[in-house]
Protein backbone atom coordinates (compact mmCIF):
# COMPACT_ATOMS: atom_id res chain seq x y z
CA MET A 1 108.53 187.40 78.63
CA LEU A 2 105.50 189.19 78.26
CA GLY A 3 103.41 185.65 77.78
CA LEU A 4 105.00 184.15 80.97
CA MET A 5 104.12 187.51 83.15
CA LEU A 6 100.47 187.10 81.59
CA ALA A 7 100.33 183.40 82.26
CA SER A 8 101.61 184.07 85.75
CA ARG A 9 99.12 186.95 86.47
CA VAL A 10 96.25 184.80 85.40
CA VAL A 11 97.50 182.05 87.94
CA VAL A 12 97.92 184.29 90.92
CA ASP A 13 94.54 186.06 90.24
CA SER A 14 92.96 182.41 90.36
CA GLY A 15 94.45 181.59 93.52
CA GLY A 16 96.62 179.06 91.87
CA LEU A 17 94.01 177.44 89.38
CA PRO A 18 92.11 175.40 92.22
CA ASP A 19 90.15 173.54 90.05
CA ARG A 20 92.43 172.10 87.75
CA HIS A 21 92.29 168.47 87.47
CA ALA A 22 95.34 167.35 89.54
CA VAL A 23 94.61 169.48 92.27
CA ARG A 24 91.08 168.59 92.63
CA TYR A 25 92.01 164.91 92.51
CA ALA A 26 94.25 165.71 95.38
CA ARG A 27 91.59 167.44 97.45
CA ASP A 28 88.93 164.93 96.86
CA ALA A 29 91.54 162.28 98.08
CA GLU A 30 92.27 164.66 101.06
CA ALA A 31 88.66 164.20 102.16
CA GLN A 32 88.56 160.44 101.81
CA MET A 33 91.19 160.36 104.97
CA ILE A 34 88.65 162.23 106.77
CA ARG A 35 86.53 159.89 109.05
CA GLU A 36 82.55 160.06 109.21
CA PRO A 37 80.64 161.02 112.21
CA ARG A 38 80.74 158.74 115.12
CA GLN A 39 77.08 159.71 116.46
CA ASP A 40 73.56 161.38 115.43
CA GLY A 41 70.68 162.56 117.30
CA SER A 42 68.42 160.04 115.78
CA CYS A 43 70.76 156.99 117.04
CA LEU A 44 71.28 158.45 120.62
CA ALA A 45 67.52 158.80 121.16
CA LEU A 46 67.68 154.97 121.30
CA PHE A 47 69.31 155.00 124.60
CA SER A 48 69.64 156.57 127.73
CA GLY A 49 71.85 158.72 129.57
CA THR A 50 75.21 157.96 128.40
CA ASP A 51 74.66 154.38 127.39
CA ALA A 52 75.14 154.61 123.49
CA PRO A 53 77.88 153.09 121.92
CA VAL A 54 81.02 155.01 120.69
CA TYR A 55 79.96 154.62 117.04
CA CYS A 56 75.79 155.03 117.03
CA ARG A 57 74.18 156.47 113.95
CA GLN A 58 71.00 156.12 112.06
CA SER A 59 69.87 156.37 108.66
CA HIS A 60 66.41 156.53 107.43
CA PRO A 61 64.47 154.78 109.96
CA GLY A 62 61.39 152.98 109.63
CA GLU A 63 59.63 149.25 109.86
CA ARG A 64 62.30 147.86 107.84
CA MET A 65 66.37 147.94 109.16
CA ILE A 66 69.42 146.39 109.25
CA ALA A 67 72.09 147.12 111.60
CA LEU A 68 75.78 147.44 111.07
CA VAL A 69 77.62 145.81 114.26
CA GLY A 70 80.84 145.63 115.51
CA ASP A 71 84.07 147.75 116.02
CA SER A 72 85.45 150.62 114.05
CA HIS A 73 85.55 148.67 111.21
CA ALA A 74 81.87 148.73 111.34
CA HIS A 75 81.66 152.06 111.50
CA VAL A 76 83.57 152.74 108.09
CA LEU A 77 81.22 150.62 106.42
CA PHE A 78 77.98 152.90 107.00
CA PRO A 79 78.31 155.52 104.67
CA GLY A 80 78.25 153.12 101.29
CA VAL A 81 76.05 150.48 103.20
CA SER A 82 73.03 153.21 104.23
CA GLU A 83 72.97 154.85 100.96
CA LEU A 84 72.51 151.54 99.02
CA ALA A 85 70.31 150.29 101.51
CA ALA A 86 67.98 153.46 101.43
CA SER A 87 67.39 152.85 97.63
CA LYS A 88 66.30 149.28 98.70
CA GLY A 89 63.93 150.63 101.25
CA TYR A 90 65.69 150.05 104.05
CA GLY A 91 67.29 152.09 107.31
CA THR A 92 70.32 151.39 108.68
CA LEU A 93 71.51 151.33 112.17
CA LEU A 94 75.06 151.20 113.18
CA LEU A 95 76.36 150.14 116.86
CA ALA A 96 79.50 149.48 117.54
CA ASN A 97 82.62 149.79 120.02
CA SER A 98 85.97 151.07 119.47
CA GLY A 99 88.87 148.36 119.53
CA CYS A 100 85.73 146.25 121.75
CA PRO A 101 83.88 144.12 119.38
CA PRO A 102 80.56 143.22 120.55
CA PHE A 103 81.00 139.60 121.10
CA ASP A 104 79.62 138.09 124.13
CA GLY A 105 81.66 136.57 126.74
CA ALA A 106 84.92 138.09 125.25
CA VAL A 107 86.84 140.99 126.17
CA THR A 108 89.61 143.43 125.47
CA GLY A 109 91.41 145.99 127.65
CA ARG A 110 94.77 146.76 129.15
CA ASN A 111 93.44 146.83 132.77
CA GLU A 112 90.60 145.50 134.71
CA ALA A 113 88.32 148.92 134.36
CA GLU A 114 88.81 148.84 130.49
CA ARG A 115 87.88 144.74 129.99
CA THR A 116 84.48 145.80 132.56
CA THR A 117 83.54 149.25 130.26
CA CYS A 118 84.27 146.92 127.26
CA ALA A 119 81.95 143.79 128.86
CA ARG A 120 79.31 146.61 129.75
CA SER A 121 79.48 148.44 126.33
CA ILE A 122 78.89 144.85 124.43
CA GLU A 123 75.81 144.20 126.70
CA VAL A 124 74.37 147.19 125.73
CA ILE A 125 74.78 146.50 122.07
CA LEU A 126 73.23 143.24 122.21
CA SER A 127 70.16 144.27 124.41
CA ALA A 128 69.54 147.07 121.98
CA LEU A 129 69.74 144.66 119.14
CA GLU A 130 67.69 142.21 120.71
CA ARG A 131 64.39 144.83 121.65
CA ASP A 132 64.70 146.03 118.14
CA GLY A 133 61.70 144.75 116.26
CA ARG A 134 62.33 146.79 113.31
CA LEU A 135 65.58 144.77 112.55
CA ALA A 136 65.61 142.37 109.33
CA ALA A 137 69.60 141.41 109.61
CA VAL A 138 72.87 141.90 111.02
CA VAL A 139 76.22 142.39 109.59
CA LEU A 140 79.16 141.92 112.03
CA ALA A 141 82.18 143.63 111.34
CA SER A 142 85.75 143.72 113.25
CA ARG A 143 89.32 143.64 112.67
CA GLY A 144 90.45 140.34 113.08
CA PRO A 145 94.70 139.45 113.73
CA GLN A 146 95.14 142.26 115.85
CA TYR A 147 92.71 140.88 118.31
CA LEU A 148 94.25 137.48 118.18
CA ASP A 149 97.97 138.12 118.30
CA GLY A 150 98.13 141.48 119.75
CA LYS A 151 99.94 142.97 117.08
CA GLY A 152 99.33 145.76 114.43
CA PHE A 153 100.77 145.57 110.83
CA GLY A 154 103.14 147.34 109.20
CA PRO A 155 105.34 150.45 109.76
CA ALA A 156 102.20 152.53 110.87
CA GLU A 157 101.40 150.20 113.67
CA ALA A 158 105.19 149.35 114.32
CA ASN A 159 104.25 150.44 117.98
CA TYR A 160 101.12 149.21 118.32
CA ASN A 161 100.74 147.71 121.86
CA TYR A 162 97.54 146.35 123.09
CA PRO A 163 96.42 142.95 124.78
CA PRO A 164 94.50 140.44 122.46
CA ILE A 165 91.45 139.58 123.11
CA ALA A 166 90.28 137.47 126.45
CA GLY A 167 87.54 135.18 127.20
CA ARG A 168 85.31 136.53 130.60
CA GLY A 169 82.60 134.63 132.21
CA ARG A 170 79.15 135.65 133.22
CA ASP A 171 80.87 135.93 136.64
CA GLY A 172 82.76 138.86 135.05
CA LEU A 173 85.94 136.42 135.73
CA ALA A 174 88.74 136.12 133.39
CA SER A 175 88.59 132.62 131.22
CA PRO A 176 91.38 130.37 130.77
CA ALA A 177 90.59 130.51 126.82
CA SER A 178 93.70 131.52 124.50
CA PRO A 179 92.94 134.67 122.20
CA SER A 180 91.50 132.43 119.31
CA GLN A 181 89.01 130.70 121.60
CA ALA A 182 88.04 133.79 123.35
CA PHE A 183 87.74 135.05 119.75
CA ALA A 184 85.61 132.11 118.22
CA ARG A 185 83.37 131.71 121.23
CA GLY A 186 82.43 135.13 121.84
CA LEU A 187 81.56 135.85 118.10
CA GLN A 188 79.50 132.32 118.17
CA ALA A 189 77.83 133.72 121.16
CA THR A 190 76.64 136.99 119.58
CA ILE A 191 75.69 135.22 116.59
CA ASP A 192 73.76 132.76 118.80
CA ARG A 193 72.05 135.48 120.27
CA LEU A 194 70.75 136.81 117.36
CA GLU A 195 69.95 134.17 115.48
CA ARG A 196 67.43 133.18 118.52
CA LYS A 197 65.76 136.60 117.70
CA GLY A 198 64.88 135.58 114.07
CA LEU A 199 67.59 137.61 112.67
CA ARG A 200 69.60 136.96 109.36
CA VAL A 201 73.34 137.32 110.38
CA ALA A 202 76.12 138.02 108.26
CA TYR A 203 79.91 138.36 108.80
CA PHE A 204 82.08 140.65 107.08
CA LEU A 205 85.42 139.53 106.58
CA GLN A 206 88.25 141.91 107.44
CA VAL A 207 89.72 143.92 104.38
CA PRO A 208 93.51 144.06 103.47
CA GLU A 209 95.67 146.55 105.53
CA LEU A 210 97.79 148.89 104.21
CA GLY A 211 100.11 148.64 106.75
CA VAL A 212 100.87 152.40 105.77
CA PRO A 213 99.12 155.80 106.09
CA ALA A 214 96.40 156.17 103.41
CA ARG A 215 98.23 159.45 102.54
CA ASP A 216 101.14 157.26 101.02
CA CYS A 217 98.59 156.05 98.17
CA LEU A 218 98.89 159.20 96.44
CA SER A 219 101.77 160.88 94.52
CA ARG A 220 102.27 164.62 94.22
CA PRO A 221 99.22 166.40 92.64
CA LEU A 222 101.23 167.47 89.09
CA THR A 223 102.69 163.84 88.54
CA LEU A 224 99.17 162.50 88.34
CA THR A 225 99.85 159.04 88.34
CA GLY A 226 97.61 158.68 91.22
CA MET A 227 99.47 155.83 92.90
CA ARG A 228 103.02 155.11 94.78
CA ASP A 229 104.55 151.96 95.25
CA GLY A 230 103.55 152.07 98.93
CA CYS A 231 99.87 151.55 98.32
CA ALA A 232 100.17 148.00 97.90
CA VAL A 233 100.14 144.69 100.04
CA SER A 234 101.80 141.44 98.89
CA HIS A 235 98.67 138.86 98.32
CA ALA A 236 100.97 136.44 100.10
CA VAL A 237 101.75 138.82 102.84
CA TYR A 238 97.55 139.59 103.55
CA ARG A 239 96.78 135.93 103.21
CA THR A 240 99.60 134.86 106.04
CA ARG A 241 98.47 137.54 108.32
CA MET A 242 94.44 136.50 107.82
CA ALA A 243 94.87 133.04 108.05
CA ASP A 244 94.10 132.27 111.36
CA TYR A 245 91.34 134.98 111.53
CA ARG A 246 89.88 133.60 108.38
CA GLY A 247 90.28 129.92 109.68
CA LEU A 248 88.16 130.87 112.68
CA ILE A 249 85.43 132.50 110.61
CA GLU A 250 85.33 129.60 108.29
CA THR A 251 84.94 127.18 111.08
CA ILE A 252 81.94 128.74 112.39
CA ARG A 253 80.54 129.26 109.19
CA ALA A 254 80.96 125.35 108.35
CA ALA A 255 79.32 125.00 111.62
CA ASP A 256 76.49 127.12 110.86
CA ARG A 257 75.38 127.10 107.99
CA SER A 258 72.51 130.10 108.17
CA LEU A 259 75.25 132.36 108.86
CA ILE A 260 76.45 134.56 106.02
CA MET A 261 80.14 135.32 105.34
CA ILE A 262 80.88 138.44 103.45
CA ASP A 263 84.45 138.30 101.69
CA GLY A 264 85.61 141.56 99.90
CA GLU A 265 88.73 140.41 98.81
CA ARG A 266 88.39 140.50 95.19
CA LEU A 267 87.23 144.19 95.33
CA PHE A 268 90.89 144.57 96.46
CA CYS A 269 93.32 142.11 95.62
CA SER A 270 94.22 140.74 91.99
CA ASN A 271 97.25 139.14 91.12
CA ASP A 272 99.87 139.12 93.80
CA ARG A 273 98.68 142.41 94.81
CA CYS A 274 96.12 144.06 97.21
CA ARG A 275 95.83 147.77 96.57
CA GLY A 276 94.45 150.73 98.48
CA LEU A 277 93.24 152.61 94.95
CA ARG A 278 91.03 151.34 92.54
CA ASP A 279 90.48 153.65 89.21
CA ARG A 280 92.23 156.04 91.09
CA GLN A 281 89.76 156.40 94.08
CA LEU A 282 91.28 156.22 97.17
CA LEU A 283 89.74 153.32 98.94
CA TYR A 284 90.99 153.79 102.62
CA ALA A 285 90.75 156.67 105.29
CA ASP A 286 93.95 155.47 107.07
CA ASP A 287 96.36 152.14 107.42
CA ASN A 288 93.29 149.58 107.76
CA HIS A 289 90.06 151.63 107.80
CA LEU A 290 87.95 152.23 104.47
CA SER A 291 87.25 155.44 103.45
CA VAL A 292 83.65 156.49 102.34
CA ASN A 293 84.91 155.11 98.46
CA GLY A 294 85.79 151.91 100.04
CA SER A 295 82.72 151.65 102.01
CA ARG A 296 80.80 152.42 98.54
CA LEU A 297 83.16 149.88 96.76
CA VAL A 298 81.97 146.71 99.25
CA ALA A 299 78.45 148.13 99.81
CA PRO A 300 76.56 146.02 96.77
CA LEU A 301 78.47 142.89 97.90
CA ILE A 302 76.94 143.37 101.38
CA ILE A 303 73.42 144.32 100.65
CA GLU A 304 73.35 141.31 97.68
CA ALA A 305 74.47 139.07 100.31
CA LEU A 306 71.52 140.03 102.60
CA GLY A 307 69.23 139.21 99.60
CA LEU A 308 68.13 142.99 100.20
């Protein structure tokens, strides 16, 4: 009894042994669920007034830069890519919208006002890229299936309700194109604009969606198992979900051999499962966005594909 009392006193006096391995692991995992800042002063200074994109960051600005461009899935690539690019002597510029990929002639939105705002935001990003003489390459990254069918994935997005992507002409009028046509044509138009400026262009394919909150990947700290059954998606389900989207990107790549296609599937999937943990590191910040760990995992693949 005396021994138990002394041990209990040690635990109480130390605040519950906060540095024990299990608690440190849980604390580190919790930090991965916090998204990186959306903007910084260095990037905002490139724009006037309120024109800056929702996601606007700049790291190690200099004479040689790469740009991460897209929606929130471009934003989450920034930590790992900017770190690795800096080690190669390149700065990184992030220009991205939220739920509105910068595809020229394609918009998203629940109503005309939102679609008009999306179109304006797209042009702000593309114009900024065209006038930035520091850029050597652009990496496009966006969510895919959700734009094509307007449906989310898994229990985390069971109530998702947002219209799919739509075509929009230069006159601002809606196009009769299907969502798949609008996505493909808009992406191709963006690629064409960037390649006309002499930029290397790459497209980073969407990583697997978990369909559940990233927290579901973690067991209770004292178990030390580091994984729960809900932290994996069937490879077959993932492939079915991504089939039309990946088919569109592959068709564009077949027609434009200069486009670099970056596929991180093998980093997340093996055998019959795609997992949200690797070596007990949480790779996701939520049900579909990468964590900082996740961005560091895919960064070497991106930098290598660009030839940096």
